[in-house]
PDB file of N, CA and C in Angstrom:
ATOM      1  N   MET A   1      88.380  68.573  64.911  1.00  0.00           N
ATOM      2  CA  MET A   1      89.118  69.759  64.560  1.00  0.00           C
ATOM      3  C   MET A   1      89.182  70.959  65.785  1.00  0.00           C
ATOM      4  N   LYS A   2      90.841  71.088  66.153  1.00  0.00           N
ATOM      5  CA  LYS A   2      90.490  72.433  66.812  1.00  0.00           C
ATOM      6  C   LYS A   2      90.537  73.393  66.757  1.00  0.00           C
ATOM      7  N   HIS A   3      89.121  74.350  67.471  1.00  0.00           N
ATOM      8  CA  HIS A   3      89.620  75.700  67.555  1.00  0.00           C
ATOM      9  C   HIS A   3      90.481  76.855  67.466  1.00  0.00           C
ATOM     10  N   LYS A   4      90.306  77.809  66.982  1.00  0.00           N
ATOM     11  CA  LYS A   4      91.122  78.482  66.960  1.00  0.00           C
ATOM     12  C   LYS A   4      91.031  80.260  67.360  1.00  0.00           C
ATOM     13  N   TYR A   5      91.486  80.696  68.832  1.00  0.00           N
ATOM     14  CA  TYR A   5      90.523  81.953  69.539  1.00  0.00           C
ATOM     15  C   TYR A   5      91.180  83.125  68.468  1.00  0.00           C
ATOM     16  N   VAL A   6      89.659  83.658  67.932  1.00  0.00           N
ATOM     17  CA  VAL A   6      90.246  84.845  67.143  1.00  0.00           C
ATOM     18  C   VAL A   6      89.534  85.803  68.051  1.00  0.00           C
ATOM     19  N   GLU A   7      90.764  86.934  68.395  1.00  0.00           N
ATOM     20  CA  GLU A   7      90.392  88.044  69.138  1.00  0.00           C
ATOM     21  C   GLU A   7      89.558  88.918  68.719  1.00  0.00           C
ATOM     22  N   ASN A   8      88.574  89.803  69.290  1.00  0.00           N
ATOM     23  CA  ASN A   8      88.206  90.714  68.518  1.00  0.00           C
ATOM     24  C   ASN A   8      89.119  91.574  68.493  1.00  0.00           C
ATOM     25  N   PRO A   9      88.836  92.378  67.294  1.00  0.00           N
ATOM     26  CA  PRO A   9      90.654  93.816  67.400  1.00  0.00           C
ATOM     27  C   PRO A   9      89.916  94.712  67.465  1.00  0.00           C
ATOM     28  N   LYS A  10      88.822  94.937  68.118  1.00  0.00           N
ATOM     29  CA  LYS A  10      87.608  96.046  69.046  1.00  0.00           C
ATOM     30  C   LYS A  10      87.963  95.948  69.916  1.00  0.00           C
ATOM     31  N   ALA A  11      88.372  95.157  71.050  1.00  0.00           N
ATOM     32  CA  ALA A  11      88.644  95.338  72.265  1.00  0.00           C
ATOM     33  C   ALA A  11      89.880  94.398  73.199  1.00  0.00           C
ATOM     34  N   ILE A  12      89.858  94.535  73.967  1.00  0.00           N
ATOM     35  CA  ILE A  12      91.159  94.591  74.900  1.00  0.00           C
ATOM     36  C   ILE A  12      90.779  93.392  75.713  1.00  0.00           C
ATOM     37  N   PRO A  13      92.137  91.915  76.327  1.00  0.00           N
ATOM     38  CA  PRO A  13      91.411  92.008  77.643  1.00  0.00           C
ATOM     39  C   PRO A  13      92.566  92.705  78.731  1.00  0.00           C
ATOM     40  N   VAL A  14      91.414  92.684  79.832  1.00  0.00           N
ATOM     41  CA  VAL A  14      92.116  92.906  81.039  1.00  0.00           C
ATOM     42  C   VAL A  14      91.850  92.788  82.430  1.00  0.00           C
ATOM     43  N   GLU A  15      92.510  92.829  83.438  1.00  0.00           N
ATOM     44  CA  GLU A  15      92.159  92.745  84.803  1.00  0.00           C
ATOM     45  C   GLU A  15      91.064  93.668  85.485  1.00  0.00           C
ATOM     46  N   VAL A  16      90.174  93.568  86.073  1.00  0.00           N
ATOM     47  CA  VAL A  16      89.757  94.741  87.623  1.00  0.00           C
ATOM     48  C   VAL A  16      90.866  93.854  89.572  1.00  0.00           C
ATOM     49  N   ALA A  17      90.998  93.897  90.067  1.00  0.00           N
ATOM     50  CA  ALA A  17      91.781  93.171  90.659  1.00  0.00           C
ATOM     51  C   ALA A  17      91.061  93.844  92.011  1.00  0.00           C
ATOM     52  N   TYR A  18      91.038  93.173  93.096  1.00  0.00           N
ATOM     53  CA  TYR A  18      90.371  94.266  94.806  1.00  0.00           C
ATOM     54  C   TYR A  18      90.307  93.445  95.299  1.00  0.00           C
ATOM     55  N   GLY A  19      90.556  93.554  97.269  1.00  0.00           N
ATOM     56  CA  GLY A  19      91.178  92.437  98.093  1.00  0.00           C
ATOM     57  C   GLY A  19      90.995  93.610  99.275  1.00  0.00           C
ATOM     58  N   ASN A  20      90.855  93.232  99.746  1.00  0.00           N
ATOM     59  CA  ASN A  20      90.466  92.617 101.744  1.00  0.00           C
ATOM     60  C   ASN A  20      91.373  92.005 101.976  1.00  0.00           C
ATOM     61  N   ALA A  21      91.383  91.792 104.190  1.00  0.00           N
ATOM     62  CA  ALA A  21      92.283  91.080 104.834  1.00  0.00           C
ATOM     63  C   ALA A  21      91.123  89.055 104.632  1.00  0.00           C
ATOM     64  N   ASP A  22      89.702  89.407 104.455  1.00  0.00           N
ATOM     65  CA  ASP A  22      89.326  88.246 104.034  1.00  0.00           C
ATOM     66  C   ASP A  22      88.717  87.094 102.356  1.00  0.00           C
ATOM     67  N   ARG A  23      89.338  88.499 101.496  1.00  0.00           N
ATOM     68  CA  ARG A  23      89.102  87.487  99.666  1.00  0.00           C
ATOM     69  C   ARG A  23      89.124  89.113  99.060  1.00  0.00           C
ATOM     70  N   GLN A  24      90.005  88.400  97.957  1.00  0.00           N
ATOM     71  CA  GLN A  24      90.816  89.178  97.428  1.00  0.00           C
ATOM     72  C   GLN A  24      89.770  88.437  95.636  1.00  0.00           C
ATOM     73  N   LEU A  25      90.492  89.135  95.111  1.00  0.00           N
ATOM     74  CA  LEU A  25      89.025  88.620  93.740  1.00  0.00           C
ATOM     75  C   LEU A  25      89.558  89.448  92.113  1.00  0.00           C
ATOM     76  N   ILE A  26      90.328  88.677  91.109  1.00  0.00           N
ATOM     77  CA  ILE A  26      90.186  89.611  89.940  1.00  0.00           C
ATOM     78  C   ILE A  26      89.416  88.844  88.727  1.00  0.00           C
ATOM     79  N   VAL A  27      88.700  90.106  88.909  1.00  0.00           N
ATOM     80  CA  VAL A  27      87.739  89.808  86.714  1.00  0.00           C
ATOM     81  C   VAL A  27      88.800  89.777  85.635  1.00  0.00           C
ATOM     82  N   SER A  28      88.542  88.983  85.234  1.00  0.00           N
ATOM     83  CA  SER A  28      88.983  89.283  83.731  1.00  0.00           C
ATOM     84  C   SER A  28      88.065  89.480  83.071  1.00  0.00           C
ATOM     85  N   LEU A  29      88.349  90.603  82.179  1.00  0.00           N
ATOM     86  CA  LEU A  29      86.945  91.492  81.197  1.00  0.00           C
ATOM     87  C   LEU A  29      87.304  92.129  79.371  1.00  0.00           C
ATOM     88  N   GLU A  30      86.992  91.619  78.896  1.00  0.00           N
ATOM     89  CA  GLU A  30      87.006  92.355  77.753  1.00  0.00           C
ATOM     90  C   GLU A  30      86.354  93.546  77.375  1.00  0.00           C
ATOM     91  N   VAL A  31      87.951  95.011  77.564  1.00  0.00           N
ATOM     92  CA  VAL A  31      86.477  96.445  77.311  1.00  0.00           C
ATOM     93  C   VAL A  31      87.390  97.069  76.017  1.00  0.00           C
ATOM     94  N   PRO A  32      86.305  97.671  75.155  1.00  0.00           N
ATOM     95  CA  PRO A  32      86.396  97.889  74.288  1.00  0.00           C
ATOM     96  C   PRO A  32      87.881  99.368  74.135  1.00  0.00           C
ATOM     97  N   LEU A  33      88.097  98.817  73.073  1.00  0.00           N
ATOM     98  CA  LEU A  33      89.126 100.827  72.723  1.00  0.00           C
ATOM     99  C   LEU A  33      89.321 101.323  73.663  1.00  0.00           C
ATOM    100  N   GLY A  34      89.799 101.885  74.281  1.00  0.00           N
ATOM    101  CA  GLY A  34      89.534 102.832  74.717  1.00  0.00           C
ATOM    102  C   GLY A  34      88.762 103.286  75.856  1.00  0.00           C
ATOM    103  N   THR A  35      88.511 102.140  76.108  1.00  0.00           N
ATOM    104  CA  THR A  35      88.142 101.923  77.662  1.00  0.00           C
ATOM    105  C   THR A  35      88.927 102.869  79.127  1.00  0.00           C
ATOM    106  N   THR A  36      88.658 103.302  79.961  1.00  0.00           N
ATOM    107  CA  THR A  36      89.896 103.943  80.328  1.00  0.00           C
ATOM    108  C   THR A  36      90.110 103.428  81.857  1.00  0.00           C
ATOM    109  N   ALA A  37      90.730 103.126  83.045  1.00  0.00           N
ATOM    110  CA  ALA A  37      90.456 102.561  84.463  1.00  0.00           C
ATOM    111  C   ALA A  37      89.150 102.887  84.792  1.00  0.00           C
ATOM    112  N   TYR A  38      88.403 103.683  85.061  1.00  0.00           N
ATOM    113  CA  TYR A  38      87.783 103.788  86.394  1.00  0.00           C
ATOM    114  C   TYR A  38      86.681 103.118  85.089  1.00  0.00           C
ATOM    115  N   GLU A  39      86.428 103.827  84.145  1.00  0.00           N
ATOM    116  CA  GLU A  39      85.127 102.082  83.121  1.00  0.00           C
ATOM    117  C   GLU A  39      85.001 101.112  83.394  1.00  0.00           C
ATOM    118  N   ALA A  40      86.542 100.033  83.643  1.00  0.00           N
ATOM    119  CA  ALA A  40      86.859  98.790  83.255  1.00  0.00           C
ATOM    120  C   ALA A  40      86.138  98.590  85.122  1.00  0.00           C
ATOM    121  N   VAL A  41      86.143  99.433  85.634  1.00  0.00           N
ATOM    122  CA  VAL A  41      85.616  99.037  86.795  1.00  0.00           C
ATOM    123  C   VAL A  41      84.827  98.822  87.096  1.00  0.00           C
ATOM    124  N   LEU A  42      83.819  99.897  86.560  1.00  0.00           N
ATOM    125  CA  LEU A  42      82.896 100.045  86.032  1.00  0.00           C
ATOM    126  C   LEU A  42      81.828  99.172  85.665  1.00  0.00           C
ATOM    127  N   LEU A  43      82.579  98.528  84.455  1.00  0.00           N
ATOM    128  CA  LEU A  43      82.467  97.051  83.666  1.00  0.00           C
ATOM    129  C   LEU A  43      82.247  95.933  84.057  1.00  0.00           C
ATOM    130  N   SER A  44      82.663  96.155  85.152  1.00  0.00           N
ATOM    131  CA  SER A  44      83.428  94.578  85.944  1.00  0.00           C
ATOM    132  C   SER A  44      82.968  93.771  86.982  1.00  0.00           C
ATOM    133  N   ASN A  45      81.964  95.491  87.619  1.00  0.00           N
ATOM    134  CA  ASN A  45      80.631  95.133  88.413  1.00  0.00           C
ATOM    135  C   ASN A  45      81.022  93.663  89.751  1.00  0.00           C
ATOM    136  N   ILE A  46      82.716  94.696  89.793  1.00  0.00           N
ATOM    137  CA  ILE A  46      83.182  93.882  91.665  1.00  0.00           C
ATOM    138  C   ILE A  46      83.061  94.147  92.438  1.00  0.00           C
ATOM    139  N   GLY A  47      82.791  96.074  92.322  1.00  0.00           N
ATOM    140  CA  GLY A  47      81.265  96.114  93.870  1.00  0.00           C
ATOM    141  C   GLY A  47      80.577  95.849  93.902  1.00  0.00           C
ATOM    142  N   ASP A  48      80.254  94.826  93.156  1.00  0.00           N
ATOM    143  CA  ASP A  48      78.881  93.788  93.727  1.00  0.00           C
ATOM    144  C   ASP A  48      79.259  93.354  94.621  1.00  0.00           C
ATOM    145  N   GLU A  49      80.202  93.069  94.652  1.00  0.00           N
ATOM    146  CA  GLU A  49      81.279  91.314  95.216  1.00  0.00           C
ATOM    147  C   GLU A  49      81.598  92.809  96.998  1.00  0.00           C
ATOM    148  N   PHE A  50      82.437  93.504  96.207  1.00  0.00           N
ATOM    149  CA  PHE A  50      82.852  93.995  97.781  1.00  0.00           C
ATOM    150  C   PHE A  50      81.790  95.108  98.711  1.00  0.00           C
ATOM    151  N   GLU A  51      81.194  94.785  99.157  1.00  0.00           N
ATOM    152  CA  GLU A  51      80.052  96.629  98.933  1.00  0.00           C
ATOM    153  C   GLU A  51      81.498  98.369  99.759  1.00  0.00           C
ATOM    154  N   LYS A  52      82.179  98.267 100.282  1.00  0.00           N
ATOM    155  CA  LYS A  52      83.099  99.163 100.340  1.00  0.00           C
ATOM    156  C   LYS A  52      84.161  99.641  98.772  1.00  0.00           C
ATOM    157  N   ILE A  53      83.747  98.982  97.542  1.00  0.00           N
ATOM    158  CA  ILE A  53      84.264  99.845  96.883  1.00  0.00           C
ATOM    159  C   ILE A  53      83.019 101.081  96.030  1.00  0.00           C
ATOM    160  N   ASP A  54      83.994 102.694  95.841  1.00  0.00           N
ATOM    161  CA  ASP A  54      83.419 102.660  95.424  1.00  0.00           C
ATOM    162  C   ASP A  54      84.846 103.808  94.610  1.00  0.00           C
ATOM    163  N   PRO A  55      84.355 104.320  92.818  1.00  0.00           N
ATOM    164  CA  PRO A  55      84.637 104.365  91.862  1.00  0.00           C
ATOM    165  C   PRO A  55      85.535 105.476  91.705  1.00  0.00           C
ATOM    166  N   GLU A  56      83.696 105.883  92.694  1.00  0.00           N
ATOM    167  CA  GLU A  56      84.955 107.945  92.875  1.00  0.00           C
ATOM    168  C   GLU A  56      85.944 107.823  94.336  1.00  0.00           C
ATOM    169  N   SER A  57      86.030 107.720  94.987  1.00  0.00           N
ATOM    170  CA  SER A  57      86.878 107.937  95.633  1.00  0.00           C
ATOM    171  C   SER A  57      88.102 107.051  96.098  1.00  0.00           C
ATOM    172  N   ASN A  58      87.852 105.753  95.521  1.00  0.00           N
ATOM    173  CA  ASN A  58      89.233 104.506  96.291  1.00  0.00           C
ATOM    174  C   ASN A  58      90.384 104.653  94.933  1.00  0.00           C
ATOM    175  N   PRO A  59      90.939 105.245  95.426  1.00  0.00           N
ATOM    176  CA  PRO A  59      92.391 104.797  94.981  1.00  0.00           C
ATOM    177  C   PRO A  59      92.531 103.887  93.788  1.00  0.00           C
ATOM    178  N   MET A  60      92.979 103.879  93.384  1.00  0.00           N
ATOM    179  CA  MET A  60      93.286 102.948  91.661  1.00  0.00           C
ATOM    180  C   MET A  60      94.745 103.123  91.330  1.00  0.00           C
ATOM    181  N   GLY A  61      95.334 101.754  91.215  1.00  0.00           N
ATOM    182  CA  GLY A  61      96.311 102.042  90.260  1.00  0.00           C
ATOM    183  C   GLY A  61      97.039 101.022  89.071  1.00  0.00           C
ATOM    184  N   ILE A  62      97.211 100.342  88.502  1.00  0.00           N
ATOM    185  CA  ILE A  62      97.770 100.036  86.651  1.00  0.00           C
ATOM    186  C   ILE A  62      99.314  98.804  87.575  1.00  0.00           C
ATOM    187  N   PHE A  63      98.727  97.389  87.749  1.00  0.00           N
ATOM    188  CA  PHE A  63     100.112  96.735  88.117  1.00  0.00           C
ATOM    189  C   PHE A  63     101.302  97.665  89.180  1.00  0.00           C
ATOM    190  N   SER A  64     100.370  98.297  90.394  1.00  0.00           N
ATOM    191  CA  SER A  64     101.019  98.351  91.447  1.00  0.00           C
ATOM    192  C   SER A  64     101.506 100.574  91.671  1.00  0.00           C
ATOM    193  N   ASN A  65     100.982 101.386  89.978  1.00  0.00           N
ATOM    194  CA  ASN A  65     101.753 101.734  89.877  1.00  0.00           C
ATOM    195  C   ASN A  65      99.764 103.298  89.971  1.00  0.00           C
ATOM    196  N   LEU A  66      99.896 103.870  90.782  1.00  0.00           N
ATOM    197  CA  LEU A  66      99.207 105.011  91.417  1.00  0.00           C
ATOM    198  C   LEU A  66      98.458 105.603  90.227  1.00  0.00           C
ATOM    199  N   LEU A  67      97.463 105.747  90.113  1.00  0.00           N
ATOM    200  CA  LEU A  67      96.468 106.690  89.013  1.00  0.00           C
ATOM    201  C   LEU A  67      97.040 108.140  89.964  1.00  0.00           C
ATOM    202  N   ASP A  68      97.779 108.817  89.992  1.00  0.00           N
ATOM    203  CA  ASP A  68      97.304 109.681  90.806  1.00  0.00           C
ATOM    204  C   ASP A  68      96.716 111.671  90.489  1.00  0.00           C
ATOM    205  N   GLY A  69      97.340 111.909  88.827  1.00  0.00           N
ATOM    206  CA  GLY A  69      97.074 112.759  88.875  1.00  0.00           C
ATOM    207  C   GLY A  69      98.061 113.173  88.130  1.00  0.00           C
ATOM    208  N   LYS A  70      98.924 113.150  88.941  1.00  0.00           N
ATOM    209  CA  LYS A  70     100.428 113.858  89.181  1.00  0.00           C
ATOM    210  C   LYS A  70     101.524 112.833  87.994  1.00  0.00           C
ATOM    211  N   SER A  71     102.153 112.419  88.526  1.00  0.00           N
ATOM    212  CA  SER A  71     103.187 111.387  87.143  1.00  0.00           C
ATOM    213  C   SER A  71     102.496 110.408  86.548  1.00  0.00           C
ATOM    214  N   ARG A  72     101.359 110.315  87.216  1.00  0.00           N
ATOM    215  CA  ARG A  72     100.282 109.795  86.210  1.00  0.00           C
ATOM    216  C   ARG A  72      98.853 109.968  85.589  1.00  0.00           C
ATOM    217  N   PRO A  73      98.391 109.901  84.644  1.00  0.00           N
ATOM    218  CA  PRO A  73      96.634 110.324  84.749  1.00  0.00           C
ATOM    219  C   PRO A  73      96.036 109.795  85.884  1.00  0.00           C
ATOM    220  N   LEU A  74      95.279 110.582  86.025  1.00  0.00           N
ATOM    221  CA  LEU A  74      94.039 109.447  86.968  1.00  0.00           C
ATOM    222  C   LEU A  74      92.460 108.240  86.164  1.00  0.00           C
ATOM    223  N   PRO A  75      92.381 108.011  86.424  1.00  0.00           N
ATOM    224  CA  PRO A  75      91.920 106.861  86.436  1.00  0.00           C
ATOM    225  C   PRO A  75      90.805 107.204  85.219  1.00  0.00           C
ATOM    226  N   LYS A  76      90.084 108.391  85.548  1.00  0.00           N
ATOM    227  CA  LYS A  76      89.138 108.756  84.847  1.00  0.00           C
ATOM    228  C   LYS A  76      89.460 109.005  83.484  1.00  0.00           C
ATOM    229  N   ASP A  77      91.308 109.320  83.022  1.00  0.00           N
ATOM    230  CA  ASP A  77      91.860 109.631  82.411  1.00  0.00           C
ATOM    231  C   ASP A  77      92.805 108.433  81.624  1.00  0.00           C
ATOM    232  N   TYR A  78      93.501 107.700  82.518  1.00  0.00           N
ATOM    233  CA  TYR A  78      94.039 106.514  81.517  1.00  0.00           C
ATOM    234  C   TYR A  78      93.347 105.421  80.971  1.00  0.00           C
ATOM    235  N   VAL A  79      93.634 105.178  79.523  1.00  0.00           N
ATOM    236  CA  VAL A  79      93.556 104.582  78.402  1.00  0.00           C
ATOM    237  C   VAL A  79      93.861 103.091  78.682  1.00  0.00           C
ATOM    238  N   LEU A  80      93.491 101.793  78.770  1.00  0.00           N
ATOM    239  CA  LEU A  80      94.101 100.930  78.907  1.00  0.00           C
ATOM    240  C   LEU A  80      94.309 100.812  77.953  1.00  0.00           C
ATOM    241  N   LYS A  81      95.439  99.091  77.568  1.00  0.00           N
ATOM    242  CA  LYS A  81      96.545  98.939  77.542  1.00  0.00           C
ATOM    243  C   LYS A  81      95.773  97.481  76.912  1.00  0.00           C
ATOM    244  N   ALA A  82      95.954  96.282  76.536  1.00  0.00           N
ATOM    245  CA  ALA A  82      95.637  95.047  75.962  1.00  0.00           C
ATOM    246  C   ALA A  82      96.735  94.428  77.479  1.00  0.00           C
ATOM    247  N   ARG A  83      95.289  93.326  78.287  1.00  0.00           N
ATOM    248  CA  ARG A  83      96.219  92.816  80.122  1.00  0.00           C
ATOM    249  C   ARG A  83      97.152  94.121  81.324  1.00  0.00           C
ATOM    250  N   ASP A  84      96.887  95.311  80.820  1.00  0.00           N
ATOM    251  CA  ASP A  84      95.977  95.936  82.381  1.00  0.00           C
ATOM    252  C   ASP A  84      96.081  95.561  83.205  1.00  0.00           C
ATOM    253  N   ARG A  85      96.185  95.515  84.507  1.00  0.00           N
ATOM    254  CA  ARG A  85      95.268  94.812  85.589  1.00  0.00           C
ATOM    255  C   ARG A  85      94.747  96.381  86.011  1.00  0.00           C
ATOM    256  N   VAL A  86      93.875  96.617  86.578  1.00  0.00           N
ATOM    257  CA  VAL A  86      93.928  97.991  87.084  1.00  0.00           C
ATOM    258  C   VAL A  86      93.551  97.829  88.797  1.00  0.00           C
ATOM    259  N   GLU A  87      94.513  98.326  90.163  1.00  0.00           N
ATOM    260  CA  GLU A  87      93.965  97.574  90.995  1.00  0.00           C
ATOM    261  C   GLU A  87      93.419  98.336  91.738  1.00  0.00           C
ATOM    262  N   ILE A  88      92.576  98.486  92.532  1.00  0.00           N
ATOM    263  CA  ILE A  88      91.446  98.976  93.499  1.00  0.00           C
ATOM    264  C   ILE A  88      91.915  99.415  95.080  1.00  0.00           C
ATOM    265  N   TYR A  89      92.884  99.955  95.241  1.00  0.00           N
ATOM    266  CA  TYR A  89      92.848 100.295  96.536  1.00  0.00           C
ATOM    267  C   TYR A  89      92.228 101.106  98.121  1.00  0.00           C
ATOM    268  N   ARG A  90      92.466 100.789  98.863  1.00  0.00           N
ATOM    269  CA  ARG A  90      92.273 100.083 100.114  1.00  0.00           C
ATOM    270  C   ARG A  90      92.445 101.529 100.611  1.00  0.00           C
ATOM    271  N   PRO A  91      91.839 102.054 101.578  1.00  0.00           N
ATOM    272  CA  PRO A  91      92.298 103.408 102.362  1.00  0.00           C
ATOM    273  C   PRO A  91      93.272 103.156 103.421  1.00  0.00           C
ATOM    274  N   LEU A  92      94.360 103.464 103.846  1.00  0.00           N
ATOM    275  CA  LEU A  92      95.491 102.939 105.164  1.00  0.00           C
ATOM    276  C   LEU A  92      94.424 102.916 106.458  1.00  0.00           C
ATOM    277  N   LEU A  93      95.116 102.477 106.663  1.00  0.00           N
ATOM    278  CA  LEU A  93      94.041 101.878 108.407  1.00  0.00           C
ATOM    279  C   LEU A  93      94.657 103.206 109.256  1.00  0.00           C
ATOM    280  N   ILE A  94      96.295 103.106 109.137  1.00  0.00           N
ATOM    281  CA  ILE A  94      97.272 104.064 109.746  1.00  0.00           C
ATOM    282  C   ILE A  94      98.583 104.037 108.905  1.00  0.00           C
ATOM    283  N   ASP A  95      98.671 105.848 109.474  1.00  0.00           N
ATOM    284  CA  ASP A  95      99.873 106.243 108.166  1.00  0.00           C
ATOM    285  C   ASP A  95     100.984 105.444 108.826  1.00  0.00           C
ATOM    286  N   PRO A  96     101.711 105.337 106.774  1.00  0.00           N
ATOM    287  CA  PRO A  96     102.661 103.901 107.230  1.00  0.00           C
ATOM    288  C   PRO A  96     104.154 104.606 108.039  1.00  0.00           C
ATOM    289  N   LYS A  97     104.060 106.318 108.143  1.00  0.00           N
ATOM    290  CA  LYS A  97     105.518 106.215 109.245  1.00  0.00           C
ATOM    291  C   LYS A  97     104.686 105.954 110.479  1.00  0.00           C
ATOM    292  N   GLN A  98     103.609 105.907 110.374  1.00  0.00           N
ATOM    293  CA  GLN A  98     103.356 105.089 112.012  1.00  0.00           C
ATOM    294  C   GLN A  98     103.766 104.571 112.530  1.00  0.00           C
ATOM    295  N   ALA A  99     103.047 103.277 111.680  1.00  0.00           N
ATOM    296  CA  ALA A  99     103.289 101.931 111.133  1.00  0.00           C
ATOM    297  C   ALA A  99     103.958 102.074 111.562  1.00  0.00           C
ATOM    298  N   ARG A 100     105.553 102.696 111.098  1.00  0.00           N
ATOM    299  CA  ARG A 100     107.083 102.287 111.387  1.00  0.00           C
ATOM    300  C   ARG A 100     107.659 102.402 112.427  1.00  0.00           C
ATOM    301  N   ARG A 101     107.294 103.801 113.156  1.00  0.00           N
ATOM    302  CA  ARG A 101     107.822 104.349 114.581  1.00  0.00           C
ATOM    303  C   ARG A 101     107.065 103.126 115.884  1.00  0.00           C
ATOM    304  N   SER A 102     105.270 102.864 114.917  1.00  0.00           N
ATOM    305  CA  SER A 102     105.235 101.737 116.559  1.00  0.00           C
ATOM    306  C   SER A 102     106.277 100.039 116.218  1.00  0.00           C
ATOM    307  N   ARG A 103     106.146  99.645 115.356  1.00  0.00           N
ATOM    308  CA  ARG A 103     107.117  98.786 115.296  1.00  0.00           C
ATOM    309  C   ARG A 103     109.040  98.934 115.177  1.00  0.00           C
ATOM    310  N   ALA A 104     108.704 100.726 115.658  1.00  0.00           N
ATOM    311  CA  ALA A 104     110.468 100.663 116.273  1.00  0.00           C
ATOM    312  C   ALA A 104     110.910 100.330 117.729  1.00  0.00           C
ATOM    313  N   GLU A 105     110.093 100.498 117.758  1.00  0.00           N
ATOM    314  CA  GLU A 105     109.540 101.336 119.134  1.00  0.00           C
ATOM    315  C   GLU A 105     108.859  99.848 120.604  1.00  0.00           C
ATOM    316  N   ASN A 106     107.644  98.706 119.461  1.00  0.00           N
ATOM    317  CA  ASN A 106     107.606  97.738 119.627  1.00  0.00           C
ATOM    318  C   ASN A 106     109.386  96.365 119.897  1.00  0.00           C
ATOM    319  N   LYS A 107     109.949  97.048 118.969  1.00  0.00           N
ATOM    320  CA  LYS A 107     112.007  96.088 119.262  1.00  0.00           C
ATOM    321  C   LYS A 107     111.971  96.552 119.889  1.00  0.00           C
ATOM    322  N   LYS A 108     112.980  98.429 119.977  1.00  0.00           N
ATOM    323  CA  LYS A 108     112.950  98.180 121.391  1.00  0.00           C
ATOM    324  C   LYS A 108     112.675  97.335 122.805  1.00  0.00           C
ATOM    325  N   SER A 109     110.911  97.686 123.085  1.00  0.00           N
ATOM    326  CA  SER A 109     110.827  97.080 124.638  1.00  0.00           C
ATOM    327  C   SER A 109     111.219  95.540 124.364  1.00  0.00           C
ATOM    328  N   LYS A 110     111.447  95.419 123.514  1.00  0.00           N
ATOM    329  CA  LYS A 110     111.865  93.150 123.066  1.00  0.00           C
ATOM    330  C   LYS A 110     112.426  93.501 123.820  1.00  0.00           C
ATOM    331  N   ARG A 111     113.753  93.719 123.993  1.00  0.00           N
ATOM    332  CA  ARG A 111     115.086  94.290 124.337  1.00  0.00           C
ATOM    333  C   ARG A 111     115.509  93.938 125.385  1.00  0.00           C
TER     334      ARG A 111
END
């Protein structure tokens, strides 16, 4: 007899993702309807796996779209939809503009 998977109508599947240079992790979980991105991060316990995660200060996004409070809500205000992936971003080590300048200078010096 085949078992049929019955979804919980009061919960949705989501993912929480984080990675660094050494390791990446995606935690799949079901959360209650109305759960915010911030709450999903706490429910996932992903912070137990990476000590540098701080849900209060790390930027977050949904599928590479930053939850910044400008073009999109903040993580504490964004209510998740089924199959959303909450991404926790690391702080930048170097300003992207400075990184481009450095690469351009390195190319010029190699010529």
